Amino acid sequence: MTEPHTRGSHVVEVELAIDQVTIVNPAEATATVRCMVGPVRRGAHFDHIRDSADAIELELTQILAYHRAVEELDPVHTALVTLRGTGTEHLTSAIPGSRWQAIKGTNPPR
């Protein structure tokens, strides 16, 4: 695994692995995720799916950890997140025995 790029004191590259996803509407999805590279902050923008050519432009608008809203999610922790934007139709839930789909992007500037 490569080290994430850093700028100042915050992580620029972030990655979430998707366990279960629910498409709420064409512009919104909720997903149970695990933070793989981060921490991932609310407002992060995701622009590609690992190992896929499908286009996405999603913003992380909410993070719920242990049934409460938080501002960021640290690596290896799980949470329920809300993603808004384009490309939600390309998000998929994990299938037993397969690798989880991962979305990659960047945190917002502090």
C-alpha atoms as a PDB file:
ATOM      1  CA  MET A   1       0.000   0.000   0.000  1.00  0.00           C
ATOM      2  CA  THR A   2       1.323   3.441  -0.830  1.00  0.00           C
ATOM      3  CA  GLU A   3       1.463   6.253   1.689  1.00  0.00           C
ATOM      4  CA  PRO A   4      -1.210   8.924   1.262  1.00  0.00           C
ATOM      5  CA  HIS A   5      -0.107  12.295  -0.065  1.00  0.00           C
ATOM      6  CA  THR A   6      -0.052  14.956   2.629  1.00  0.00           C
ATOM      7  CA  ARG A   7      -0.269  18.710   2.427  1.00  0.00           C
ATOM      8  CA  GLY A   8       0.520  20.492   5.680  1.00  0.00           C
ATOM      9  CA  SER A   9      -0.955  18.541   8.567  1.00  0.00           C
ATOM     10  CA  HIS A  10      -3.925  16.898   6.810  1.00  0.00           C
ATOM     11  CA  VAL A  11      -4.291  13.863   4.597  1.00  0.00           C
ATOM     12  CA  VAL A  12      -5.166  14.737   1.000  1.00  0.00           C
ATOM     13  CA  GLU A  13      -5.970  11.276  -0.421  1.00  0.00           C
ATOM     14  CA  VAL A  14      -8.723   9.292   1.293  1.00  0.00           C
ATOM     15  CA  GLU A  15     -10.384   5.947   0.632  1.00  0.00           C
ATOM     16  CA  LEU A  16     -13.567   4.264   1.855  1.00  0.00           C
ATOM     17  CA  ALA A  17     -14.399   0.575   1.311  1.00  0.00           C
ATOM     18  CA  ILE A  18     -18.120  -0.076   0.875  1.00  0.00           C
ATOM     19  CA  ASP A  19     -19.808  -2.949   2.700  1.00  0.00           C
ATOM     20  CA  GLN A  20     -23.506  -2.212   2.101  1.00  0.00           C
ATOM     21  CA  VAL A  21     -24.987   0.574  -0.026  1.00  0.00           C
ATOM     22  CA  THR A  22     -28.540   1.858  -0.410  1.00  0.00           C
ATOM     23  CA  ILE A  23     -29.314   4.123  -3.360  1.00  0.00           C
ATOM     24  CA  VAL A  24     -31.764   6.663  -1.928  1.00  0.00           C
ATOM     25  CA  ASN A  25     -32.246   8.457  -5.265  1.00  0.00           C
ATOM     26  CA  PRO A  26     -30.071   9.128  -8.349  1.00  0.00           C
ATOM     27  CA  ALA A  27     -28.132  11.824  -6.455  1.00  0.00           C
ATOM     28  CA  GLU A  28     -27.865  10.277  -2.969  1.00  0.00           C
ATOM     29  CA  ALA A  29     -26.717   7.037  -1.381  1.00  0.00           C
ATOM     30  CA  THR A  30     -26.144   5.830   2.147  1.00  0.00           C
ATOM     31  CA  ALA A  31     -23.465   3.232   2.793  1.00  0.00           C
ATOM     32  CA  THR A  32     -21.859   1.293   5.582  1.00  0.00           C
ATOM     33  CA  VAL A  33     -18.152   1.846   4.994  1.00  0.00           C
ATOM     34  CA  ARG A  34     -14.729   1.213   6.466  1.00  0.00           C
ATOM     35  CA  CYS A  35     -12.103   3.946   6.293  1.00  0.00           C
ATOM     36  CA  MET A  36      -9.046   2.514   4.547  1.00  0.00           C
ATOM     37  CA  VAL A  37      -6.973   5.699   4.074  1.00  0.00           C
ATOM     38  CA  GLY A  38      -7.679   8.781   6.107  1.00  0.00           C
ATOM     39  CA  PRO A  39      -8.980  10.104   8.344  1.00  0.00           C
ATOM     40  CA  VAL A  40     -11.881  10.961   6.049  1.00  0.00           C
ATOM     41  CA  ARG A  41     -13.619  14.229   6.905  1.00  0.00           C
ATOM     42  CA  ARG A  42     -17.173  15.355   6.237  1.00  0.00           C
ATOM     43  CA  GLY A  43     -17.084  17.281   2.949  1.00  0.00           C
ATOM     44  CA  ALA A  44     -14.592  14.886   1.318  1.00  0.00           C
ATOM     45  CA  HIS A  45     -14.986  14.570  -2.473  1.00  0.00           C
ATOM     46  CA  PHE A  46     -14.756  11.161  -4.153  1.00  0.00           C
ATOM     47  CA  ASP A  47     -13.961  11.118  -7.864  1.00  0.00           C
ATOM     48  CA  HIS A  48     -13.177   7.501  -8.716  1.00  0.00           C
ATOM     49  CA  ILE A  49     -13.822   3.887  -7.848  1.00  0.00           C
ATOM     50  CA  ARG A  50     -10.730   1.721  -7.406  1.00  0.00           C
ATOM     51  CA  ASP A  51     -10.280  -0.671 -10.382  1.00  0.00           C
ATOM     52  CA  SER A  52     -13.137   0.903 -12.345  1.00  0.00           C
ATOM     53  CA  ALA A  53     -13.546   3.359 -15.204  1.00  0.00           C
ATOM     54  CA  ASP A  54     -17.001   4.445 -13.953  1.00  0.00           C
ATOM     55  CA  ALA A  55     -17.211   8.188 -13.301  1.00  0.00           C
ATOM     56  CA  ILE A  56     -18.360   9.497  -9.931  1.00  0.00           C
ATOM     57  CA  GLU A  57     -18.451  12.938  -8.306  1.00  0.00           C
ATOM     58  CA  LEU A  58     -19.673  12.392  -4.760  1.00  0.00           C
ATOM     59  CA  GLU A  59     -19.470  14.501  -1.610  1.00  0.00           C
ATOM     60  CA  LEU A  60     -19.503  12.951   1.858  1.00  0.00           C
ATOM     61  CA  THR A  61     -22.241  14.940   3.614  1.00  0.00           C
ATOM     62  CA  GLN A  62     -22.774  12.933   6.811  1.00  0.00           C
ATOM     63  CA  ILE A  63     -20.883  10.429   8.953  1.00  0.00           C
ATOM     64  CA  LEU A  64     -22.738   8.459  11.643  1.00  0.00           C
ATOM     65  CA  ALA A  65     -20.528   6.435  13.992  1.00  0.00           C
ATOM     66  CA  TYR A  66     -22.113   4.613  16.909  1.00  0.00           C
ATOM     67  CA  HIS A  67     -25.438   6.342  16.117  1.00  0.00           C
ATOM     68  CA  ARG A  68     -24.059   9.885  16.405  1.00  0.00           C
ATOM     69  CA  ALA A  69     -22.899  12.421  13.850  1.00  0.00           C
ATOM     70  CA  VAL A  70     -19.124  12.933  13.707  1.00  0.00           C
ATOM     71  CA  GLU A  71     -16.886  15.172  11.593  1.00  0.00           C
ATOM     72  CA  GLU A  72     -14.317  12.524  10.583  1.00  0.00           C
ATOM     73  CA  LEU A  73     -13.714   8.802  10.407  1.00  0.00           C
ATOM     74  CA  ASP A  74     -10.327   7.309  11.263  1.00  0.00           C
ATOM     75  CA  PRO A  75      -8.732   4.380   9.399  1.00  0.00           C
ATOM     76  CA  VAL A  76     -10.126   0.890  10.086  1.00  0.00           C
ATOM     77  CA  HIS A  77     -13.262   2.316  11.725  1.00  0.00           C
ATOM     78  CA  THR A  78     -16.698   1.800  10.225  1.00  0.00           C
ATOM     79  CA  ALA A  79     -19.643   4.169   9.913  1.00  0.00           C
ATOM     80  CA  LEU A  80     -22.843   4.876   8.039  1.00  0.00           C
ATOM     81  CA  VAL A  81     -22.218   7.692   5.565  1.00  0.00           C
ATOM     82  CA  THR A  82     -24.311   9.764   3.186  1.00  0.00           C
ATOM     83  CA  LEU A  83     -22.871  10.495  -0.268  1.00  0.00           C
ATOM     84  CA  ARG A  84     -24.414  13.048  -2.630  1.00  0.00           C
ATOM     85  CA  GLY A  85     -23.656  13.850  -6.255  1.00  0.00           C
ATOM     86  CA  THR A  86     -23.370  11.928  -9.509  1.00  0.00           C
ATOM     87  CA  GLY A  87     -22.468   8.285  -9.994  1.00  0.00           C
ATOM     88  CA  THR A  88     -24.363   6.695  -7.118  1.00  0.00           C
ATOM     89  CA  GLU A  89     -25.639   4.042  -9.561  1.00  0.00           C
ATOM     90  CA  HIS A  90     -22.062   2.690  -9.819  1.00  0.00           C
ATOM     91  CA  LEU A  91     -21.793   1.945  -6.088  1.00  0.00           C
ATOM     92  CA  THR A  92     -22.240  -1.702  -5.108  1.00  0.00           C
ATOM     93  CA  SER A  93     -22.554  -3.683  -1.903  1.00  0.00           C
ATOM     94  CA  ALA A  94     -19.958  -6.280  -0.981  1.00  0.00           C
ATOM     95  CA  ILE A  95     -20.488  -9.853  -2.145  1.00  0.00           C
ATOM     96  CA  PRO A  96     -19.278 -12.660   0.173  1.00  0.00           C
ATOM     97  CA  GLY A  97     -15.859 -13.855  -0.911  1.00  0.00           C
ATOM     98  CA  SER A  98     -15.070 -10.805  -3.034  1.00  0.00           C
ATOM     99  CA  ARG A  99     -13.088  -7.631  -2.488  1.00  0.00           C
ATOM    100  CA  TRP A 100     -15.083  -4.625  -1.258  1.00  0.00           C
ATOM    101  CA  GLN A 101     -15.580  -1.767  -3.718  1.00  0.00           C
ATOM    102  CA  ALA A 102     -13.459   1.244  -2.712  1.00  0.00           C
ATOM    103  CA  ILE A 103     -13.999   4.902  -3.549  1.00  0.00           C
ATOM    104  CA  LYS A 104     -11.069   7.310  -3.582  1.00  0.00           C
ATOM    105  CA  GLY A 105     -10.890  11.051  -3.289  1.00  0.00           C
ATOM    106  CA  THR A 106      -9.672  13.975  -1.220  1.00  0.00           C
ATOM    107  CA  ASN A 107     -10.563  15.728   2.003  1.00  0.00           C
ATOM    108  CA  PRO A 108     -11.766  19.320   1.878  1.00  0.00           C
ATOM    109  CA  PRO A 109      -9.202  21.973   2.792  1.00  0.00           C
ATOM    110  CA  ARG A 110      -9.143  22.918   6.454  1.00  0.00           C
END
